[in-house]
Amino acid sequence: MSTDAVVPPTLEDIRATAEAIAPYVNRTPVHRWRDREISALLDDTEVHLKLELFQRTGSFKVRGVLSNMLALSRAALARGVTAVSAGNHAIAVAYGAQALGVHAKVVMLRTANPARVEAARAYGAEVVIAPDGAGGFAMVDDIVAREGRAFVHPFEGPLTARGTATLGLEFAEAVPRLDAVVIGVGGGGLAGGASTAIKLVQPDCRIYGVEPEGADSMHRSFAAGAPQRLESVSTIADSLAPPMALPYSYALCRAHIDTLVKVSDRQITGAMALLFREMKLAVEPGGAAATAALLGPLANELRGRRVGVVICGSNIDVESFYRLVGPS
C-alpha cells in the first residue's frame, strides 16, 4: 500500500467502531495525577493519565483486535483466527476469539514472557512458539495457507486504526482543552489511531510519540519519508519493539504526530518505579514509555501545560517487575 493512498478513519467511523466493540471492552478511566513526587518533578504541569492498563486483557490491543474480528464473515470466523505476537496482541486475540466463540491459534516468540504465554492459553488459544519475529510471521503465513484462518495483524490496517482510535476519542472527550498527549509508539497502531481521533476532536492538541532507543523504526521512517525495517531491536519494552513500520500505520503517525522522542531503558524503569510508588500501578515497560518521556525529554517543553499520558499496558509478572525496578 502506498502511503499516499491511505484514508484515515473519520469521526463517524470511530464512533461506529466504539459502539460495535463496546460489549467486549472497557471504557477505561482517566486520572488526574497530582501526588507529591510528580508535583515536585514537573511543578505546575497538569497531568492526566488514560489508564488503559485496566482494559480487558491488560492492554489496548483488544480494541483493534475486536474491530478486525467483528468485520469478519461468519464463514471466516468459523475457520478461526491467527496472530503473531510477543505477548499483548496474542492475549487480545485469544480473548477476542473466546468472546466471539471461535478458535484462535497464535504464534508467540521464544522470548515471550511465560506469564503472557499462559494468559493466551487461559483464554483458550492454541499457542505455538516461533524462534524469532521473522520465523513467527513465516509460521503465521503457513497457518493461513494451510488452515484458512484469518490473520489479525498486530498493528497495521484501517480496522486496527479504527479500534485504537476509540481510545483517543475517549481521552479527548474526557479531558477537554488538552495542550498535548504523549503516546508510546511500537508499530504505530495505537499512536496512529489514537492521534487521529484526538486531532479530530481537539485539533490544536499536540501529539508526542515515544519510542525506545533500541527500537526506533518510526524515527527512521520519518527521516526516510517511508516505512523502514530494523535489522535488530534491543529494549526491555518488547511491546514497543516490532522490527518495522508499515504503510498504513506509518501514514497516520506521520500525519498526526507532531514530535517523536526516544527514551532509554533506564528512563523507562524509572517511570515504572514512580508509577508504582505514587499510583500503585505495576506497569509493563512499554506502558511506562510515555511517562518516561514526560519525565525526561519532554519535561521542560511541556512544563506548565495540560498534558495527557496514555498508560497502555500492564502485562508483566511479579518476578519480572521486581527484576526491573527492585533494588540492584
Foldseek 3Di string as FASTA:
>chain_A
DALVPFDADDPVLLVVLCVQCVVPKDLFDKDWDDDDPVCVLQPQATEIEREQCPMVLRFLQLLLLLLVVVPDDPVQQQLPEEEEDLASNLLSNLQNNLVVVGAYEYEHEPPRDVLRVVSSVVSPYHYDYAPDDVRRVVVRVVCCVPRVHHYRYRADDRSLLSRLCNSLLSVCVVDDPAQEEEAEAALQRNVLSNLVNNCNSVVNHAYEYEAAPQAPQLVVCLVVVHKDFAPDGDEQQRVRHDRIHDSNSSSSCNVGHPYYDYDYNVLLLVQQVVCCVRVVANARSSLRRRVSCCSPVCSVVSRNGHYYYYRGGHPDDPVVSCVSRNDD
